[in-house]
Amino acid sequence: DRGGHPVVVLDDRELQLSPEARLRLFDPRVEVDQGRTMRLDISLALAHQLLSRNGARVTVESDEGGGTRCSIMLPSAEA
């Protein structure tokens, strides 16, 4: 909970995304290859669009050696 906003945090300790990959993360056609192939299909793009249109804020951070964290800050109940 950040300032009355519920927050959902998803951590993947193995996946590391470059800054360029993070910029394209919600593009339905992007493919990220980190020694393993992971296809990010249209479902990720649709989820981001649905969350954003309903007032949520989505951020993605990736640390060298620390994996990737996706945070979803939902709108407060009053919004």
PDB file of N, CA and C in Angstrom:
ATOM      1  N   ASP A   1       0.854  -1.183   0.000  1.00  0.00           N
ATOM      2  CA  ASP A   1       0.000   0.000   0.000  1.00  0.00           C
ATOM      3  C   ASP A   1       0.896   1.241   0.000  1.00  0.00           C
ATOM      4  N   ARG A   2       0.788   2.036  -1.030  1.00  0.00           N
ATOM      5  CA  ARG A   2       1.570   3.273  -1.135  1.00  0.00           C
ATOM      6  C   ARG A   2       0.613   4.446  -1.212  1.00  0.00           C
ATOM      7  N   GLY A   3       0.494   5.156  -0.107  1.00  0.00           N
ATOM      8  CA  GLY A   3      -0.373   6.325  -0.093  1.00  0.00           C
ATOM      9  C   GLY A   3      -1.823   6.009  -0.382  1.00  0.00           C
ATOM     10  N   GLY A   4      -2.319   4.907   0.123  1.00  0.00           N
ATOM     11  CA  GLY A   4      -3.712   4.542  -0.105  1.00  0.00           C
ATOM     12  C   GLY A   4      -3.944   3.749  -1.379  1.00  0.00           C
ATOM     13  N   HIS A   5      -2.889   3.488  -2.125  1.00  0.00           N
ATOM     14  CA  HIS A   5      -3.012   2.718  -3.361  1.00  0.00           C
ATOM     15  C   HIS A   5      -2.498   1.299  -3.134  1.00  0.00           C
ATOM     16  N   PRO A   6      -3.322   0.280  -3.424  1.00  0.00           N
ATOM     17  CA  PRO A   6      -2.814  -1.088  -3.327  1.00  0.00           C
ATOM     18  C   PRO A   6      -1.752  -1.325  -4.406  1.00  0.00           C
ATOM     19  N   VAL A   7      -0.723  -2.101  -4.068  1.00  0.00           N
ATOM     20  CA  VAL A   7       0.372  -2.375  -4.996  1.00  0.00           C
ATOM     21  C   VAL A   7       0.582  -3.884  -5.101  1.00  0.00           C
ATOM     22  N   VAL A   8       0.698  -4.369  -6.335  1.00  0.00           N
ATOM     23  CA  VAL A   8       1.028  -5.764  -6.609  1.00  0.00           C
ATOM     24  C   VAL A   8       2.451  -5.771  -7.155  1.00  0.00           C
ATOM     25  N   VAL A   9       3.331  -6.600  -6.571  1.00  0.00           N
ATOM     26  CA  VAL A   9       4.728  -6.667  -7.010  1.00  0.00           C
ATOM     27  C   VAL A   9       5.030  -8.092  -7.464  1.00  0.00           C
ATOM     28  N   LEU A  10       5.583  -8.213  -8.667  1.00  0.00           N
ATOM     29  CA  LEU A  10       5.979  -9.499  -9.222  1.00  0.00           C
ATOM     30  C   LEU A  10       7.491  -9.485  -9.401  1.00  0.00           C
ATOM     31  N   ASP A  11       8.184 -10.453  -8.797  1.00  0.00           N
ATOM     32  CA  ASP A  11       9.645 -10.544  -8.881  1.00  0.00           C
ATOM     33  C   ASP A  11      10.051 -11.800  -9.638  1.00  0.00           C
ATOM     34  N   ASP A  12      10.994 -11.652 -10.550  1.00  0.00           N
ATOM     35  CA  ASP A  12      11.627 -12.788 -11.214  1.00  0.00           C
ATOM     36  C   ASP A  12      13.120 -12.607 -11.018  1.00  0.00           C
ATOM     37  N   ARG A  13      13.717 -13.403 -10.153  1.00  0.00           N
ATOM     38  CA  ARG A  13      15.130 -13.248  -9.789  1.00  0.00           C
ATOM     39  C   ARG A  13      16.081 -13.669 -10.910  1.00  0.00           C
ATOM     40  N   GLU A  14      15.580 -14.388 -11.917  1.00  0.00           N
ATOM     41  CA  GLU A  14      16.443 -14.870 -12.993  1.00  0.00           C
ATOM     42  C   GLU A  14      16.394 -14.006 -14.242  1.00  0.00           C
ATOM     43  N   LEU A  15      15.259 -13.427 -14.544  1.00  0.00           N
ATOM     44  CA  LEU A  15      15.094 -12.654 -15.778  1.00  0.00           C
ATOM     45  C   LEU A  15      15.704 -11.271 -15.631  1.00  0.00           C
ATOM     46  N   GLN A  16      16.613 -10.944 -16.533  1.00  0.00           N
ATOM     47  CA  GLN A  16      17.189  -9.602 -16.565  1.00  0.00           C
ATOM     48  C   GLN A  16      16.865  -8.993 -17.923  1.00  0.00           C
ATOM     49  N   LEU A  17      16.315  -7.799 -17.915  1.00  0.00           N
ATOM     50  CA  LEU A  17      15.956  -7.109 -19.148  1.00  0.00           C
ATOM     51  C   LEU A  17      16.862  -5.909 -19.347  1.00  0.00           C
ATOM     52  N   SER A  18      17.317  -5.731 -20.566  1.00  0.00           N
ATOM     53  CA  SER A  18      18.111  -4.548 -20.892  1.00  0.00           C
ATOM     54  C   SER A  18      17.190  -3.330 -20.894  1.00  0.00           C
ATOM     55  N   PRO A  19      17.748  -2.129 -20.790  1.00  0.00           N
ATOM     56  CA  PRO A  19      16.907  -0.924 -20.877  1.00  0.00           C
ATOM     57  C   PRO A  19      16.099  -0.881 -22.174  1.00  0.00           C
ATOM     58  N   GLU A  20      16.682  -1.336 -23.277  1.00  0.00           N
ATOM     59  CA  GLU A  20      15.973  -1.355 -24.558  1.00  0.00           C
ATOM     60  C   GLU A  20      14.796  -2.323 -24.520  1.00  0.00           C
ATOM     61  N   ALA A  21      14.988  -3.487 -23.919  1.00  0.00           N
ATOM     62  CA  ALA A  21      13.910  -4.475 -23.822  1.00  0.00           C
ATOM     63  C   ALA A  21      12.780  -3.957 -22.944  1.00  0.00           C
ATOM     64  N   ARG A  22      13.118  -3.242 -21.863  1.00  0.00           N
ATOM     65  CA  ARG A  22      12.074  -2.686 -20.992  1.00  0.00           C
ATOM     66  C   ARG A  22      11.238  -1.652 -21.735  1.00  0.00           C
ATOM     67  N   LEU A  23      11.856  -0.879 -22.613  1.00  0.00           N
ATOM     68  CA  LEU A  23      11.110   0.121 -23.383  1.00  0.00           C
ATOM     69  C   LEU A  23      10.101  -0.528 -24.321  1.00  0.00           C
ATOM     70  N   ARG A  24      10.420  -1.731 -24.818  1.00  0.00           N
ATOM     71  CA  ARG A  24       9.545  -2.422 -25.770  1.00  0.00           C
ATOM     72  C   ARG A  24       8.717  -3.523 -25.113  1.00  0.00           C
ATOM     73  N   LEU A  25       8.761  -3.619 -23.809  1.00  0.00           N
ATOM     74  CA  LEU A  25       8.172  -4.748 -23.098  1.00  0.00           C
ATOM     75  C   LEU A  25       6.687  -4.951 -23.380  1.00  0.00           C
ATOM     76  N   PHE A  26       5.941  -3.879 -23.529  1.00  0.00           N
ATOM     77  CA  PHE A  26       4.496  -4.010 -23.705  1.00  0.00           C
ATOM     78  C   PHE A  26       4.075  -3.965 -25.166  1.00  0.00           C
ATOM     79  N   ASP A  27       5.034  -4.057 -26.071  1.00  0.00           N
ATOM     80  CA  ASP A  27       4.759  -4.202 -27.499  1.00  0.00           C
ATOM     81  C   ASP A  27       4.368  -5.659 -27.726  1.00  0.00           C
ATOM     82  N   PRO A  28       3.227  -5.927 -28.354  1.00  0.00           N
ATOM     83  CA  PRO A  28       2.779  -7.314 -28.494  1.00  0.00           C
ATOM     84  C   PRO A  28       3.677  -8.181 -29.374  1.00  0.00           C
ATOM     85  N   ARG A  29       4.644  -7.589 -30.067  1.00  0.00           N
ATOM     86  CA  ARG A  29       5.487  -8.365 -30.973  1.00  0.00           C
ATOM     87  C   ARG A  29       6.914  -8.555 -30.477  1.00  0.00           C
ATOM     88  N   VAL A  30       7.222  -8.164 -29.260  1.00  0.00           N
ATOM     89  CA  VAL A  30       8.610  -8.220 -28.785  1.00  0.00           C
ATOM     90  C   VAL A  30       9.003  -9.636 -28.360  1.00  0.00           C
ATOM     91  N   GLU A  31      10.261  -9.977 -28.595  1.00  0.00           N
ATOM     92  CA  GLU A  31      10.811 -11.252 -28.123  1.00  0.00           C
ATOM     93  C   GLU A  31      12.083 -10.953 -27.348  1.00  0.00           C
ATOM     94  N   VAL A  32      12.169 -11.468 -26.154  1.00  0.00           N
ATOM     95  CA  VAL A  32      13.333 -11.257 -25.303  1.00  0.00           C
ATOM     96  C   VAL A  32      14.088 -12.574 -25.231  1.00  0.00           C
ATOM     97  N   ASP A  33      15.382 -12.533 -25.500  1.00  0.00           N
ATOM     98  CA  ASP A  33      16.174 -13.754 -25.469  1.00  0.00           C
ATOM     99  C   ASP A  33      17.344 -13.562 -24.520  1.00  0.00           C
ATOM    100  N   GLN A  34      17.350 -14.261 -23.415  1.00  0.00           N
ATOM    101  CA  GLN A  34      18.401 -14.173 -22.402  1.00  0.00           C
ATOM    102  C   GLN A  34      19.006 -15.562 -22.177  1.00  0.00           C
ATOM    103  N   GLY A  35      19.350 -16.245 -23.241  1.00  0.00           N
ATOM    104  CA  GLY A  35      19.850 -17.609 -23.087  1.00  0.00           C
ATOM    105  C   GLY A  35      18.697 -18.603 -23.060  1.00  0.00           C
ATOM    106  N   ARG A  36      17.546 -18.116 -22.862  1.00  0.00           N
ATOM    107  CA  ARG A  36      16.315 -18.899 -22.968  1.00  0.00           C
ATOM    108  C   ARG A  36      15.355 -18.011 -23.752  1.00  0.00           C
ATOM    109  N   THR A  37      14.534 -18.587 -24.560  1.00  0.00           N
ATOM    110  CA  THR A  37      13.617 -17.787 -25.365  1.00  0.00           C
ATOM    111  C   THR A  37      12.327 -17.602 -24.595  1.00  0.00           C
ATOM    112  N   MET A  38      11.898 -16.386 -24.520  1.00  0.00           N
ATOM    113  CA  MET A  38      10.649 -16.071 -23.840  1.00  0.00           C
ATOM    114  C   MET A  38       9.852 -15.161 -24.755  1.00  0.00           C
ATOM    115  N   ARG A  39       8.734 -15.591 -25.199  1.00  0.00           N
ATOM    116  CA  ARG A  39       7.897 -14.767 -26.062  1.00  0.00           C
ATOM    117  C   ARG A  39       6.868 -14.040 -25.198  1.00  0.00           C
ATOM    118  N   LEU A  40       6.886 -12.738 -25.329  1.00  0.00           N
ATOM    119  CA  LEU A  40       5.906 -11.916 -24.633  1.00  0.00           C
ATOM    120  C   LEU A  40       4.820 -11.611 -25.649  1.00  0.00           C
ATOM    121  N   ASP A  41       3.724 -12.339 -25.562  1.00  0.00           N
ATOM    122  CA  ASP A  41       2.705 -12.215 -26.590  1.00  0.00           C
ATOM    123  C   ASP A  41       1.735 -11.087 -26.293  1.00  0.00           C
ATOM    124  N   ILE A  42       0.685 -11.042 -27.047  1.00  0.00           N
ATOM    125  CA  ILE A  42      -0.268  -9.943 -26.965  1.00  0.00           C
ATOM    126  C   ILE A  42      -0.932  -9.844 -25.596  1.00  0.00           C
ATOM    127  N   SER A  43      -0.952 -10.926 -24.821  1.00  0.00           N
ATOM    128  CA  SER A  43      -1.606 -10.878 -23.509  1.00  0.00           C
ATOM    129  C   SER A  43      -0.938  -9.863 -22.581  1.00  0.00           C
ATOM    130  N   LEU A  44       0.383  -9.728 -22.625  1.00  0.00           N
ATOM    131  CA  LEU A  44       1.077  -8.750 -21.792  1.00  0.00           C
ATOM    132  C   LEU A  44       0.731  -7.326 -22.222  1.00  0.00           C
ATOM    133  N   ALA A  45       0.676  -7.092 -23.525  1.00  0.00           N
ATOM    134  CA  ALA A  45       0.307  -5.773 -24.040  1.00  0.00           C
ATOM    135  C   ALA A  45      -1.134  -5.431 -23.666  1.00  0.00           C
ATOM    136  N   LEU A  46      -2.029  -6.399 -23.778  1.00  0.00           N
ATOM    137  CA  LEU A  46      -3.433  -6.156 -23.424  1.00  0.00           C
ATOM    138  C   LEU A  46      -3.601  -5.911 -21.930  1.00  0.00           C
ATOM    139  N   ALA A  47      -2.892  -6.672 -21.110  1.00  0.00           N
ATOM    140  CA  ALA A  47      -2.975  -6.470 -19.660  1.00  0.00           C
ATOM    141  C   ALA A  47      -2.491  -5.073 -19.289  1.00  0.00           C
ATOM    142  N   HIS A  48      -1.382  -4.627 -19.878  1.00  0.00           N
ATOM    143  CA  HIS A  48      -0.855  -3.285 -19.608  1.00  0.00           C
ATOM    144  C   HIS A  48      -1.863  -2.217 -20.023  1.00  0.00           C
ATOM    145  N   GLN A  49      -2.439  -2.377 -21.203  1.00  0.00           N
ATOM    146  CA  GLN A  49      -3.416  -1.400 -21.696  1.00  0.00           C
ATOM    147  C   GLN A  49      -4.652  -1.358 -20.796  1.00  0.00           C
ATOM    148  N   LEU A  50      -5.147  -2.510 -20.394  1.00  0.00           N
ATOM    149  CA  LEU A  50      -6.326  -2.574 -19.528  1.00  0.00           C
ATOM    150  C   LEU A  50      -6.047  -1.928 -18.174  1.00  0.00           C
ATOM    151  N   LEU A  51      -4.900  -2.238 -17.586  1.00  0.00           N
ATOM    152  CA  LEU A  51      -4.538  -1.644 -16.296  1.00  0.00           C
ATOM    153  C   LEU A  51      -4.399  -0.129 -16.413  1.00  0.00           C
ATOM    154  N   SER A  52      -3.698   0.339 -17.433  1.00  0.00           N
ATOM    155  CA  SER A  52      -3.477   1.779 -17.615  1.00  0.00           C
ATOM    156  C   SER A  52      -4.781   2.533 -17.825  1.00  0.00           C
ATOM    157  N   ARG A  53      -5.659   1.982 -18.627  1.00  0.00           N
ATOM    158  CA  ARG A  53      -6.941   2.650 -18.902  1.00  0.00           C
ATOM    159  C   ARG A  53      -7.832   2.727 -17.669  1.00  0.00           C
ATOM    160  N   ASN A  54      -7.558   1.884 -16.693  1.00  0.00           N
ATOM    161  CA  ASN A  54      -8.352   1.894 -15.472  1.00  0.00           C
ATOM    162  C   ASN A  54      -7.629   2.563 -14.312  1.00  0.00           C
ATOM    163  N   GLY A  55      -6.598   3.337 -14.625  1.00  0.00           N
ATOM    164  CA  GLY A  55      -5.948   4.159 -13.613  1.00  0.00           C
ATOM    165  C   GLY A  55      -4.773   3.535 -12.894  1.00  0.00           C
ATOM    166  N   ALA A  56      -4.361   2.342 -13.286  1.00  0.00           N
ATOM    167  CA  ALA A  56      -3.206   1.701 -12.645  1.00  0.00           C
ATOM    168  C   ALA A  56      -1.912   2.236 -13.262  1.00  0.00           C
ATOM    169  N   ARG A  57      -0.846   2.176 -12.482  1.00  0.00           N
ATOM    170  CA  ARG A  57       0.487   2.569 -12.958  1.00  0.00           C
ATOM    171  C   ARG A  57       1.376   1.336 -12.921  1.00  0.00           C
ATOM    172  N   VAL A  58       1.977   1.001 -14.056  1.00  0.00           N
ATOM    173  CA  VAL A  58       2.817  -0.188 -14.168  1.00  0.00           C
ATOM    174  C   VAL A  58       4.264   0.249 -14.375  1.00  0.00           C
ATOM    175  N   THR A  59       5.176  -0.265 -13.539  1.00  0.00           N
ATOM    176  CA  THR A  59       6.599   0.021 -13.704  1.00  0.00           C
ATOM    177  C   THR A  59       7.372  -1.291 -13.743  1.00  0.00           C
ATOM    178  N   VAL A  60       8.452  -1.292 -14.508  1.00  0.00           N
ATOM    179  CA  VAL A  60       9.317  -2.466 -14.619  1.00  0.00           C
ATOM    180  C   VAL A  60      10.744  -2.020 -14.360  1.00  0.00           C
ATOM    181  N   GLU A  61      11.407  -2.703 -13.427  1.00  0.00           N
ATOM    182  CA  GLU A  61      12.800  -2.412 -13.085  1.00  0.00           C
ATOM    183  C   GLU A  61      13.600  -3.692 -13.234  1.00  0.00           C
ATOM    184  N   SER A  62      14.820  -3.560 -13.732  1.00  0.00           N
ATOM    185  CA  SER A  62      15.697  -4.716 -13.857  1.00  0.00           C
ATOM    186  C   SER A  62      17.081  -4.310 -13.399  1.00  0.00           C
ATOM    187  N   ASP A  63      17.621  -5.052 -12.431  1.00  0.00           N
ATOM    188  CA  ASP A  63      18.944  -4.768 -11.893  1.00  0.00           C
ATOM    189  C   ASP A  63      19.926  -5.819 -12.374  1.00  0.00           C
ATOM    190  N   GLU A  64      21.118  -5.374 -12.715  1.00  0.00           N
ATOM    191  CA  GLU A  64      22.160  -6.306 -13.122  1.00  0.00           C
ATOM    192  C   GLU A  64      22.447  -7.265 -11.969  1.00  0.00           C
ATOM    193  N   GLY A  65      22.233  -8.532 -12.207  1.00  0.00           N
ATOM    194  CA  GLY A  65      22.462  -9.542 -11.186  1.00  0.00           C
ATOM    195  C   GLY A  65      21.321  -9.690 -10.203  1.00  0.00           C
ATOM    196  N   GLY A  66      20.253  -8.892 -10.362  1.00  0.00           N
ATOM    197  CA  GLY A  66      19.182  -8.925  -9.387  1.00  0.00           C
ATOM    198  C   GLY A  66      17.821  -9.293  -9.922  1.00  0.00           C
ATOM    199  N   GLY A  67      17.713  -9.605 -11.197  1.00  0.00           N
ATOM    200  CA  GLY A  67      16.437  -9.987 -11.763  1.00  0.00           C
ATOM    201  C   GLY A  67      15.578  -8.799 -12.144  1.00  0.00           C
ATOM    202  N   THR A  68      14.286  -9.062 -12.320  1.00  0.00           N
ATOM    203  CA  THR A  68      13.335  -8.054 -12.784  1.00  0.00           C
ATOM    204  C   THR A  68      12.158  -7.972 -11.830  1.00  0.00           C
ATOM    205  N   ARG A  69      11.692  -6.757 -11.594  1.00  0.00           N
ATOM    206  CA  ARG A  69      10.539  -6.520 -10.722  1.00  0.00           C
ATOM    207  C   ARG A  69       9.513  -5.683 -11.485  1.00  0.00           C
ATOM    208  N   CYS A  70       8.283  -6.154 -11.477  1.00  0.00           N
ATOM    209  CA  CYS A  70       7.166  -5.428 -12.068  1.00  0.00           C
ATOM    210  C   CYS A  70       6.242  -5.012 -10.928  1.00  0.00           C
ATOM    211  N   SER A  71       5.957  -3.712 -10.849  1.00  0.00           N
ATOM    212  CA  SER A  71       5.058  -3.192  -9.813  1.00  0.00           C
ATOM    213  C   SER A  71       3.818  -2.615 -10.474  1.00  0.00           C
ATOM    214  N   ILE A  72       2.674  -2.955  -9.927  1.00  0.00           N
ATOM    215  CA  ILE A  72       1.401  -2.447 -10.429  1.00  0.00           C
ATOM    216  C   ILE A  72       0.734  -1.701  -9.290  1.00  0.00           C
ATOM    217  N   MET A  73       0.648  -0.376  -9.429  1.00  0.00           N
ATOM    218  CA  MET A  73      -0.016   0.442  -8.420  1.00  0.00           C
ATOM    219  C   MET A  73      -1.453   0.673  -8.893  1.00  0.00           C
ATOM    220  N   LEU A  74      -2.383   0.100  -8.156  1.00  0.00           N
ATOM    221  CA  LEU A  74      -3.793   0.205  -8.501  1.00  0.00           C
ATOM    222  C   LEU A  74      -4.361   1.518  -7.979  1.00  0.00           C
ATOM    223  N   PRO A  75      -5.419   2.012  -8.623  1.00  0.00           N
ATOM    224  CA  PRO A  75      -6.027   3.240  -8.113  1.00  0.00           C
ATOM    225  C   PRO A  75      -6.680   2.979  -6.762  1.00  0.00           C
ATOM    226  N   SER A  76      -6.771   4.031  -5.959  1.00  0.00           N
ATOM    227  CA  SER A  76      -7.422   3.882  -4.655  1.00  0.00           C
ATOM    228  C   SER A  76      -8.911   3.657  -4.861  1.00  0.00           C
ATOM    229  N   ALA A  77      -9.568   3.138  -3.853  1.00  0.00           N
ATOM    230  CA  ALA A  77     -10.999   2.848  -3.934  1.00  0.00           C
ATOM    231  C   ALA A  77     -11.815   4.109  -4.187  1.00  0.00           C
ATOM    232  N   GLU A  78     -11.308   5.267  -3.770  1.00  0.00           N
ATOM    233  CA  GLU A  78     -12.033   6.521  -3.945  1.00  0.00           C
ATOM    234  C   GLU A  78     -11.981   7.027  -5.376  1.00  0.00           C
ATOM    235  N   ALA A  79     -11.006   6.552  -6.169  1.00  0.00           N
ATOM    236  CA  ALA A  79     -10.806   7.069  -7.535  1.00  0.00           C
ATOM    237  C   ALA A  79     -11.925   6.675  -8.458  1.00  0.00           C
TER     238      ALA A  79
END
